[in-house]
């Protein structure tokens, strides 16, 4: 299982709607509002890196109100 942590910047005024839409995306397992350089952190899980990329690019980034994302892919030692 591939796990990614998505750092998300939201458009002011569209936060609530965007967060609701992101929570409904299959593969997104957790979503938290945060304060600082980013507005939210989501956790997404998939069976492959290709599928994780699809979730981020086709689903999360297409939500109205998502301004920017940065993804951290979980690694193991």
N, C-alpha and C. Protein backbone atom coordinates (compact mmCIF):
# COMPACT_ATOMS: atom_id res chain seq x y z
N UNK A 1 0.85 -1.17 0.00
CA UNK A 1 0.00 0.00 0.00
C UNK A 1 0.90 1.24 0.00
N UNK A 2 0.60 2.18 -0.87
CA UNK A 2 1.33 3.45 -0.97
C UNK A 2 0.54 4.50 -0.22
N UNK A 3 1.22 5.24 0.64
CA UNK A 3 0.56 6.30 1.40
C UNK A 3 1.22 7.63 1.07
N UNK A 4 0.40 8.64 0.82
CA UNK A 4 0.90 9.98 0.54
C UNK A 4 0.27 10.99 1.47
N UNK A 5 1.05 11.98 1.84
CA UNK A 5 0.56 13.09 2.65
C UNK A 5 0.50 14.31 1.73
N UNK A 6 -0.70 14.86 1.57
CA UNK A 6 -0.92 15.95 0.64
C UNK A 6 -1.04 17.26 1.41
N UNK A 7 -0.11 18.17 1.16
CA UNK A 7 -0.17 19.50 1.73
C UNK A 7 -0.98 20.35 0.76
N UNK A 8 -2.02 21.02 1.26
CA UNK A 8 -2.97 21.68 0.38
C UNK A 8 -3.14 23.15 0.77
N UNK A 9 -3.03 24.04 -0.23
CA UNK A 9 -3.36 25.46 -0.05
C UNK A 9 -4.74 25.67 -0.66
N UNK A 10 -5.59 26.39 0.08
CA UNK A 10 -6.96 26.62 -0.36
C UNK A 10 -7.20 28.08 -0.68
N UNK A 11 -8.17 28.34 -1.55
CA UNK A 11 -8.56 29.70 -1.90
C UNK A 11 -9.41 30.26 -0.75
N UNK A 12 -9.06 31.43 -0.23
CA UNK A 12 -9.86 32.00 0.86
C UNK A 12 -11.34 32.14 0.46
N UNK A 13 -12.20 31.73 1.37
CA UNK A 13 -13.64 31.78 1.13
C UNK A 13 -14.21 30.49 0.59
N UNK A 14 -13.36 29.61 0.06
CA UNK A 14 -13.84 28.34 -0.50
C UNK A 14 -13.38 27.14 0.33
N UNK A 15 -12.83 27.40 1.51
CA UNK A 15 -12.27 26.32 2.33
C UNK A 15 -13.29 25.24 2.66
N UNK A 16 -14.43 25.62 3.17
CA UNK A 16 -15.42 24.64 3.64
C UNK A 16 -15.88 23.73 2.52
N UNK A 17 -16.21 24.31 1.38
CA UNK A 17 -16.66 23.53 0.24
C UNK A 17 -15.57 22.60 -0.27
N UNK A 18 -14.35 23.13 -0.37
CA UNK A 18 -13.23 22.32 -0.86
C UNK A 18 -12.94 21.16 0.07
N UNK A 19 -12.94 21.40 1.37
CA UNK A 19 -12.67 20.33 2.33
C UNK A 19 -13.72 19.24 2.25
N UNK A 20 -14.98 19.61 2.09
CA UNK A 20 -16.06 18.62 1.96
C UNK A 20 -15.86 17.75 0.72
N UNK A 21 -15.48 18.38 -0.39
CA UNK A 21 -15.27 17.64 -1.63
C UNK A 21 -14.05 16.71 -1.53
N UNK A 22 -12.98 17.18 -0.89
CA UNK A 22 -11.78 16.36 -0.75
C UNK A 22 -12.06 15.15 0.13
N UNK A 23 -12.82 15.35 1.22
CA UNK A 23 -13.16 14.23 2.12
C UNK A 23 -13.91 13.12 1.39
N UNK A 24 -14.67 13.48 0.36
CA UNK A 24 -15.50 12.51 -0.37
C UNK A 24 -14.73 11.74 -1.44
N UNK A 25 -13.48 12.09 -1.69
CA UNK A 25 -12.69 11.43 -2.74
C UNK A 25 -12.27 10.04 -2.28
N UNK A 26 -12.59 9.00 -3.05
CA UNK A 26 -12.12 7.66 -2.70
C UNK A 26 -10.60 7.61 -2.66
N UNK A 27 -10.05 7.03 -1.61
CA UNK A 27 -8.61 6.97 -1.42
C UNK A 27 -8.11 7.97 -0.40
N UNK A 28 -8.86 9.04 -0.18
CA UNK A 28 -8.49 10.01 0.87
C UNK A 28 -8.99 9.45 2.19
N UNK A 29 -8.05 9.13 3.09
CA UNK A 29 -8.41 8.46 4.34
C UNK A 29 -8.47 9.40 5.53
N UNK A 30 -7.89 10.59 5.41
CA UNK A 30 -7.90 11.53 6.52
C UNK A 30 -7.68 12.93 5.95
N UNK A 31 -8.27 13.93 6.61
CA UNK A 31 -8.11 15.31 6.18
C UNK A 31 -8.21 16.21 7.40
N UNK A 32 -7.22 17.08 7.57
CA UNK A 32 -7.18 17.98 8.72
C UNK A 32 -6.88 19.40 8.28
N UNK A 33 -7.60 20.35 8.83
CA UNK A 33 -7.34 21.77 8.64
C UNK A 33 -6.16 22.12 9.53
N UNK A 34 -5.20 22.85 8.99
CA UNK A 34 -4.02 23.26 9.75
C UNK A 34 -3.76 24.74 9.53
N UNK A 35 -2.91 25.31 10.36
CA UNK A 35 -2.54 26.72 10.23
C UNK A 35 -1.05 26.81 9.99
N UNK A 36 -0.65 27.74 9.14
CA UNK A 36 0.76 27.89 8.79
C UNK A 36 0.89 28.10 7.30
N UNK A 37 1.92 27.53 6.71
CA UNK A 37 2.17 27.69 5.28
C UNK A 37 1.17 26.95 4.41
N UNK A 38 0.50 25.96 4.97
CA UNK A 38 -0.50 25.17 4.25
C UNK A 38 -1.82 25.26 5.01
N UNK A 39 -2.92 25.01 4.33
CA UNK A 39 -4.25 25.12 4.95
C UNK A 39 -4.82 23.78 5.39
N UNK A 40 -4.39 22.71 4.75
CA UNK A 40 -4.91 21.38 5.09
C UNK A 40 -3.86 20.32 4.78
N UNK A 41 -3.97 19.20 5.49
CA UNK A 41 -3.13 18.03 5.21
C UNK A 41 -4.07 16.85 5.05
N UNK A 42 -3.97 16.19 3.90
CA UNK A 42 -4.78 14.99 3.64
C UNK A 42 -3.86 13.78 3.57
N UNK A 43 -4.39 12.64 3.94
CA UNK A 43 -3.69 11.38 3.77
C UNK A 43 -4.44 10.59 2.71
N UNK A 44 -3.71 10.08 1.74
CA UNK A 44 -4.32 9.26 0.69
C UNK A 44 -3.57 7.94 0.59
N UNK A 45 -4.31 6.88 0.34
CA UNK A 45 -3.71 5.56 0.20
C UNK A 45 -4.18 4.93 -1.11
N UNK A 46 -3.27 4.17 -1.73
CA UNK A 46 -3.60 3.48 -2.97
C UNK A 46 -2.71 2.25 -3.10
N UNK A 47 -3.03 1.42 -4.08
CA UNK A 47 -2.26 0.19 -4.29
C UNK A 47 -0.98 0.43 -5.06
N UNK A 48 -0.90 1.58 -5.78
CA UNK A 48 0.29 1.85 -6.58
C UNK A 48 0.57 3.35 -6.62
N UNK A 49 1.79 3.70 -6.98
CA UNK A 49 2.16 5.10 -7.13
C UNK A 49 1.36 5.73 -8.26
N UNK A 50 1.10 4.97 -9.31
CA UNK A 50 0.29 5.47 -10.43
C UNK A 50 -1.10 5.86 -9.94
N UNK A 51 -1.72 5.01 -9.14
CA UNK A 51 -3.07 5.30 -8.61
C UNK A 51 -3.04 6.50 -7.67
N UNK A 52 -2.01 6.62 -6.85
CA UNK A 52 -1.88 7.78 -5.97
C UNK A 52 -1.77 9.06 -6.80
N UNK A 53 -1.00 9.01 -7.87
CA UNK A 53 -0.87 10.17 -8.77
C UNK A 53 -2.21 10.55 -9.36
N UNK A 54 -3.00 9.55 -9.75
CA UNK A 54 -4.32 9.82 -10.32
C UNK A 54 -5.23 10.50 -9.30
N UNK A 55 -5.20 10.03 -8.06
CA UNK A 55 -6.02 10.65 -7.01
C UNK A 55 -5.65 12.12 -6.85
N UNK A 56 -4.37 12.39 -6.81
CA UNK A 56 -3.91 13.77 -6.59
C UNK A 56 -4.22 14.66 -7.79
N UNK A 57 -3.82 14.22 -8.97
CA UNK A 57 -3.95 15.06 -10.16
C UNK A 57 -5.39 15.17 -10.64
N UNK A 58 -6.08 14.04 -10.77
CA UNK A 58 -7.43 14.04 -11.34
C UNK A 58 -8.51 14.41 -10.35
N UNK A 59 -8.28 14.13 -9.08
CA UNK A 59 -9.34 14.34 -8.09
C UNK A 59 -9.08 15.57 -7.21
N UNK A 60 -8.02 15.52 -6.42
CA UNK A 60 -7.78 16.60 -5.45
C UNK A 60 -7.53 17.93 -6.15
N UNK A 61 -6.66 17.96 -7.12
CA UNK A 61 -6.31 19.23 -7.79
C UNK A 61 -7.46 19.80 -8.62
N UNK A 62 -8.45 18.97 -8.93
CA UNK A 62 -9.58 19.47 -9.72
C UNK A 62 -10.69 20.06 -8.85
N UNK A 63 -10.57 19.97 -7.54
CA UNK A 63 -11.57 20.52 -6.63
C UNK A 63 -11.50 22.05 -6.68
N UNK A 64 -12.65 22.68 -6.88
CA UNK A 64 -12.69 24.14 -6.87
C UNK A 64 -12.33 24.64 -5.48
N UNK A 65 -11.35 25.50 -5.39
CA UNK A 65 -10.89 26.00 -4.11
C UNK A 65 -9.51 25.50 -3.74
N UNK A 66 -9.01 24.48 -4.45
CA UNK A 66 -7.65 24.01 -4.22
C UNK A 66 -6.72 24.86 -5.08
N UNK A 67 -5.82 25.56 -4.40
CA UNK A 67 -4.92 26.48 -5.09
C UNK A 67 -3.58 25.83 -5.42
N UNK A 68 -3.07 24.99 -4.51
CA UNK A 68 -1.75 24.39 -4.70
C UNK A 68 -1.66 23.13 -3.85
N UNK A 69 -0.82 22.19 -4.27
CA UNK A 69 -0.58 20.98 -3.47
C UNK A 69 0.90 20.63 -3.52
N UNK A 70 1.32 19.91 -2.51
CA UNK A 70 2.64 19.31 -2.48
C UNK A 70 2.45 17.95 -1.82
N UNK A 71 3.05 16.91 -2.38
CA UNK A 71 2.83 15.56 -1.88
C UNK A 71 4.10 14.96 -1.32
N UNK A 72 3.97 14.36 -0.17
CA UNK A 72 5.06 13.62 0.47
C UNK A 72 4.66 12.17 0.46
N UNK A 73 5.47 11.32 -0.18
CA UNK A 73 5.18 9.90 -0.26
C UNK A 73 5.90 9.19 0.88
N UNK A 74 5.15 8.37 1.62
CA UNK A 74 5.73 7.66 2.75
C UNK A 74 6.79 6.67 2.27
N UNK A 75 7.89 6.63 2.98
CA UNK A 75 8.96 5.69 2.66
C UNK A 75 9.22 4.76 3.84
N UNK A 76 9.99 3.73 3.59
CA UNK A 76 10.35 2.79 4.64
C UNK A 76 11.84 2.52 4.59
N UNK A 77 12.43 2.29 5.74
CA UNK A 77 13.85 1.98 5.83
C UNK A 77 14.04 0.52 6.16
